[in-house]
Amino acid sequence: MEEKKEVTAREAGWQHVHDYFGRTSVDRGHFHTFTGSTNVQTVVAGGHAHEYANVTRVAENHVHRMSGISSVQMPVMMGHVHRLQGTTTVDDNHSHVYDVYTGLPRAPRNVRRGRFFGPFSARAEGAEAREEPRPRRRLRAKKPEAGEKP
């Protein structure tokens, strides 16, 4: 018997990203900190994954680059997270290891999101949606009444 997996609307087609931060391993007496956001998800076997790439903060007058593909999603209480692990680029004759988990999913920035199309909207019935212009508001200077100072 095949087990039915319930898929929420959010998981079905919702584009999302994850923020992450952390620090690298200590090598040659120093470590680097980093922050970043993943790319939107890519469907893979067993779920989805995210690509990521960033540059560490400066330490000992140099930086390292980090990039890779996250693990498949891991369910947690309020959603899911991914694991990012790997080795930085070799700079100043050494590299660092990192191993962090992302934060919870969020909508990507700078992406136009559709409006709500609920059961009472025009598009729910197949009709063409009308764009009504917003009313224009003008600021007018208040005229002083008789006897008032301007």
C-alpha atoms as a PDB file:
ATOM      1  CA  MET A   1       0.000   0.000   0.000  1.00  0.00           C
ATOM      2  CA  GLU A   2       1.381   3.355  -1.029  1.00  0.00           C
ATOM      3  CA  GLU A   3       1.557   6.004   1.662  1.00  0.00           C
ATOM      4  CA  LYS A   4       0.022   9.311   0.608  1.00  0.00           C
ATOM      5  CA  LYS A   5       2.146  12.315   1.436  1.00  0.00           C
ATOM      6  CA  GLU A   6       0.175  15.466   2.108  1.00  0.00           C
ATOM      7  CA  VAL A   7       1.634  18.389   0.200  1.00  0.00           C
ATOM      8  CA  THR A   8       0.789  21.865   1.397  1.00  0.00           C
ATOM      9  CA  ALA A   9       0.292  24.756  -1.004  1.00  0.00           C
ATOM     10  CA  ARG A  10       3.475  26.254   0.352  1.00  0.00           C
ATOM     11  CA  GLU A  11       5.559  23.222  -0.644  1.00  0.00           C
ATOM     12  CA  ALA A  12       3.843  22.665  -4.000  1.00  0.00           C
ATOM     13  CA  GLY A  13       5.121  25.669  -5.929  1.00  0.00           C
ATOM     14  CA  TRP A  14       6.266  28.249  -3.423  1.00  0.00           C
ATOM     15  CA  GLN A  15       9.660  29.671  -4.328  1.00  0.00           C
ATOM     16  CA  HIS A  16      11.760  30.306  -1.246  1.00  0.00           C
ATOM     17  CA  VAL A  17      15.289  30.930  -0.005  1.00  0.00           C
ATOM     18  CA  HIS A  18      17.099  30.443   3.307  1.00  0.00           C
ATOM     19  CA  ASP A  19      19.450  32.767   5.176  1.00  0.00           C
ATOM     20  CA  TYR A  20      22.538  31.353   6.855  1.00  0.00           C
ATOM     21  CA  PHE A  21      25.477  32.513   8.947  1.00  0.00           C
ATOM     22  CA  GLY A  22      28.379  30.957  10.782  1.00  0.00           C
ATOM     23  CA  ARG A  23      32.094  30.712  11.158  1.00  0.00           C
ATOM     24  CA  THR A  24      34.762  28.547   9.637  1.00  0.00           C
ATOM     25  CA  SER A  25      37.192  26.235  11.372  1.00  0.00           C
ATOM     26  CA  VAL A  26      40.352  27.693  12.905  1.00  0.00           C
ATOM     27  CA  ASP A  27      43.396  27.327  10.667  1.00  0.00           C
ATOM     28  CA  ARG A  28      46.750  29.129  10.970  1.00  0.00           C
ATOM     29  CA  GLY A  29      45.511  30.838  14.122  1.00  0.00           C
ATOM     30  CA  HIS A  30      42.341  32.475  12.764  1.00  0.00           C
ATOM     31  CA  PHE A  31      38.799  31.843  11.516  1.00  0.00           C
ATOM     32  CA  HIS A  32      36.372  33.682   9.224  1.00  0.00           C
ATOM     33  CA  THR A  33      32.712  34.568   9.722  1.00  0.00           C
ATOM     34  CA  PHE A  34      30.169  34.573   6.904  1.00  0.00           C
ATOM     35  CA  THR A  35      26.545  35.333   6.082  1.00  0.00           C
ATOM     36  CA  GLY A  36      24.469  34.722   2.998  1.00  0.00           C
ATOM     37  CA  SER A  37      21.240  33.629   1.380  1.00  0.00           C
ATOM     38  CA  THR A  38      20.672  30.577  -0.759  1.00  0.00           C
ATOM     39  CA  ASN A  39      19.312  30.610  -4.282  1.00  0.00           C
ATOM     40  CA  VAL A  40      15.699  29.467  -4.839  1.00  0.00           C
ATOM     41  CA  GLN A  41      15.133  25.746  -4.561  1.00  0.00           C
ATOM     42  CA  THR A  42      15.872  23.095  -7.195  1.00  0.00           C
ATOM     43  CA  VAL A  43      13.973  19.822  -7.227  1.00  0.00           C
ATOM     44  CA  VAL A  44      16.207  16.810  -6.514  1.00  0.00           C
ATOM     45  CA  ALA A  45      15.600  13.189  -5.589  1.00  0.00           C
ATOM     46  CA  GLY A  46      14.035  13.096  -2.141  1.00  0.00           C
ATOM     47  CA  GLY A  47      12.876  16.727  -2.063  1.00  0.00           C
ATOM     48  CA  HIS A  48      14.686  19.932  -2.948  1.00  0.00           C
ATOM     49  CA  ALA A  49      18.047  21.610  -2.423  1.00  0.00           C
ATOM     50  CA  HIS A  50      19.525  25.103  -2.775  1.00  0.00           C
ATOM     51  CA  GLU A  51      22.704  26.460  -4.332  1.00  0.00           C
ATOM     52  CA  TYR A  52      24.720  28.941  -2.284  1.00  0.00           C
ATOM     53  CA  ALA A  53      27.799  31.098  -2.783  1.00  0.00           C
ATOM     54  CA  ASN A  54      29.395  33.817  -0.686  1.00  0.00           C
ATOM     55  CA  VAL A  55      32.665  35.372   0.390  1.00  0.00           C
ATOM     56  CA  THR A  56      33.824  35.253   4.009  1.00  0.00           C
ATOM     57  CA  ARG A  57      34.620  38.361   5.981  1.00  0.00           C
ATOM     58  CA  VAL A  58      38.223  39.565   6.059  1.00  0.00           C
ATOM     59  CA  ALA A  59      40.545  38.033   8.660  1.00  0.00           C
ATOM     60  CA  GLU A  60      44.339  38.263   8.628  1.00  0.00           C
ATOM     61  CA  ASN A  61      44.112  40.425   5.456  1.00  0.00           C
ATOM     62  CA  HIS A  62      42.404  37.852   3.213  1.00  0.00           C
ATOM     63  CA  VAL A  63      39.043  36.264   2.384  1.00  0.00           C
ATOM     64  CA  HIS A  64      37.855  32.865   1.133  1.00  0.00           C
ATOM     65  CA  ARG A  65      35.037  31.908  -1.219  1.00  0.00           C
ATOM     66  CA  MET A  66      32.390  29.333  -0.331  1.00  0.00           C
ATOM     67  CA  SER A  67      29.932  27.669  -2.691  1.00  0.00           C
ATOM     68  CA  GLY A  68      28.021  24.450  -3.080  1.00  0.00           C
ATOM     69  CA  ILE A  69      24.652  22.745  -2.950  1.00  0.00           C
ATOM     70  CA  SER A  70      22.769  22.251   0.297  1.00  0.00           C
ATOM     71  CA  SER A  71      21.478  18.965   1.645  1.00  0.00           C
ATOM     72  CA  VAL A  72      17.888  17.924   1.034  1.00  0.00           C
ATOM     73  CA  GLN A  73      15.370  19.586   3.362  1.00  0.00           C
ATOM     74  CA  MET A  74      15.133  18.407   6.968  1.00  0.00           C
ATOM     75  CA  PRO A  75      11.782  18.976   8.691  1.00  0.00           C
ATOM     76  CA  VAL A  76      11.815  21.004  11.901  1.00  0.00           C
ATOM     77  CA  MET A  77       9.084  22.424  14.125  1.00  0.00           C
ATOM     78  CA  MET A  78       8.149  25.481  12.034  1.00  0.00           C
ATOM     79  CA  GLY A  79       9.162  24.325   8.543  1.00  0.00           C
ATOM     80  CA  HIS A  80      12.453  22.920   7.302  1.00  0.00           C
ATOM     81  CA  VAL A  81      16.192  23.658   7.161  1.00  0.00           C
ATOM     82  CA  HIS A  82      19.169  22.540   5.072  1.00  0.00           C
ATOM     83  CA  ARG A  83      22.757  21.670   5.945  1.00  0.00           C
ATOM     84  CA  LEU A  84      25.641  23.505   4.265  1.00  0.00           C
ATOM     85  CA  GLN A  85      29.056  21.922   4.579  1.00  0.00           C
ATOM     86  CA  GLY A  86      32.295  22.017   2.675  1.00  0.00           C
ATOM     87  CA  THR A  87      35.713  23.571   2.361  1.00  0.00           C
ATOM     88  CA  THR A  88      36.521  27.140   1.353  1.00  0.00           C
ATOM     89  CA  THR A  89      38.826  28.077  -1.485  1.00  0.00           C
ATOM     90  CA  VAL A  90      42.568  28.040  -0.838  1.00  0.00           C
ATOM     91  CA  ASP A  91      43.781  31.568  -0.195  1.00  0.00           C
ATOM     92  CA  ASP A  92      47.003  32.621   1.561  1.00  0.00           C
ATOM     93  CA  ASN A  93      48.147  28.958   1.313  1.00  0.00           C
ATOM     94  CA  HIS A  94      45.318  27.493   3.428  1.00  0.00           C
ATOM     95  CA  SER A  95      41.587  26.763   3.500  1.00  0.00           C
ATOM     96  CA  HIS A  96      38.887  26.353   6.158  1.00  0.00           C
ATOM     97  CA  VAL A  97      36.073  23.871   6.781  1.00  0.00           C
ATOM     98  CA  TYR A  98      32.473  24.975   7.484  1.00  0.00           C
ATOM     99  CA  ASP A  99      29.349  23.112   8.613  1.00  0.00           C
ATOM    100  CA  VAL A 100      26.147  25.083   9.345  1.00  0.00           C
ATOM    101  CA  TYR A 101      22.370  24.800   9.090  1.00  0.00           C
ATOM    102  CA  THR A 102      20.199  27.360   7.320  1.00  0.00           C
ATOM    103  CA  GLY A 103      17.382  29.314   8.871  1.00  0.00           C
ATOM    104  CA  LEU A 104      13.717  28.724   8.081  1.00  0.00           C
ATOM    105  CA  PRO A 105      12.437  29.424   4.549  1.00  0.00           C
ATOM    106  CA  ARG A 106      11.367  32.908   3.477  1.00  0.00           C
ATOM    107  CA  ALA A 107      10.127  34.463   0.253  1.00  0.00           C
ATOM    108  CA  PRO A 108      12.894  35.779  -1.985  1.00  0.00           C
ATOM    109  CA  ARG A 109      13.345  39.557  -2.088  1.00  0.00           C
ATOM    110  CA  ASN A 110      12.933  41.606  -5.268  1.00  0.00           C
ATOM    111  CA  VAL A 111      10.455  39.128  -6.707  1.00  0.00           C
ATOM    112  CA  ARG A 112       6.978  40.245  -7.666  1.00  0.00           C
ATOM    113  CA  ARG A 113       4.444  38.137  -5.820  1.00  0.00           C
ATOM    114  CA  GLY A 114       0.936  37.554  -7.124  1.00  0.00           C
ATOM    115  CA  ARG A 115      -2.086  39.003  -5.401  1.00  0.00           C
ATOM    116  CA  PHE A 116      -4.459  36.914  -3.393  1.00  0.00           C
ATOM    117  CA  PHE A 117      -6.934  35.112  -5.631  1.00  0.00           C
ATOM    118  CA  GLY A 118      -9.489  33.829  -3.168  1.00  0.00           C
ATOM    119  CA  PRO A 119     -12.961  32.468  -3.840  1.00  0.00           C
ATOM    120  CA  PHE A 120     -14.449  35.976  -4.052  1.00  0.00           C
ATOM    121  CA  SER A 121     -11.998  37.449  -6.512  1.00  0.00           C
ATOM    122  CA  ALA A 122     -12.783  38.025 -10.175  1.00  0.00           C
ATOM    123  CA  ARG A 123     -10.070  35.624 -11.363  1.00  0.00           C
ATOM    124  CA  ALA A 124     -11.461  32.754  -9.316  1.00  0.00           C
ATOM    125  CA  GLU A 125     -14.515  32.751 -11.603  1.00  0.00           C
ATOM    126  CA  GLY A 126     -12.422  32.980 -14.776  1.00  0.00           C
ATOM    127  CA  ALA A 127     -13.350  36.614 -15.443  1.00  0.00           C
ATOM    128  CA  GLU A 128     -10.774  39.158 -16.491  1.00  0.00           C
ATOM    129  CA  ALA A 129      -9.465  41.113 -13.503  1.00  0.00           C
ATOM    130  CA  ARG A 130      -9.777  44.897 -13.787  1.00  0.00           C
ATOM    131  CA  GLU A 131      -7.080  47.147 -12.518  1.00  0.00           C
ATOM    132  CA  GLU A 132      -8.779  50.087 -10.867  1.00  0.00           C
ATOM    133  CA  PRO A 133      -6.642  53.186 -10.517  1.00  0.00           C
ATOM    134  CA  ARG A 134      -5.875  54.261  -7.006  1.00  0.00           C
ATOM    135  CA  PRO A 135      -7.480  57.562  -6.016  1.00  0.00           C
ATOM    136  CA  ARG A 136      -5.074  60.459  -6.191  1.00  0.00           C
ATOM    137  CA  ARG A 137      -4.597  62.396  -3.027  1.00  0.00           C
ATOM    138  CA  ARG A 138      -3.308  65.923  -3.072  1.00  0.00           C
ATOM    139  CA  LEU A 139      -1.882  67.765  -0.151  1.00  0.00           C
ATOM    140  CA  ARG A 140      -3.215  71.261   0.037  1.00  0.00           C
ATOM    141  CA  ALA A 141      -1.958  74.018   2.247  1.00  0.00           C
ATOM    142  CA  LYS A 142      -4.472  75.022   4.841  1.00  0.00           C
ATOM    143  CA  LYS A 143      -5.595  78.623   4.325  1.00  0.00           C
ATOM    144  CA  PRO A 144      -5.522  80.703   7.474  1.00  0.00           C
ATOM    145  CA  GLU A 145      -8.895  81.876   8.650  1.00  0.00           C
ATOM    146  CA  ALA A 146      -9.685  85.492   9.329  1.00  0.00           C
ATOM    147  CA  GLY A 147      -7.887  86.748  12.396  1.00  0.00           C
ATOM    148  CA  GLU A 148      -5.261  83.922  12.396  1.00  0.00           C
ATOM    149  CA  LYS A 149      -1.595  84.488  11.799  1.00  0.00           C
ATOM    150  CA  PRO A 150      -0.186  82.607   8.804  1.00  0.00           C
END
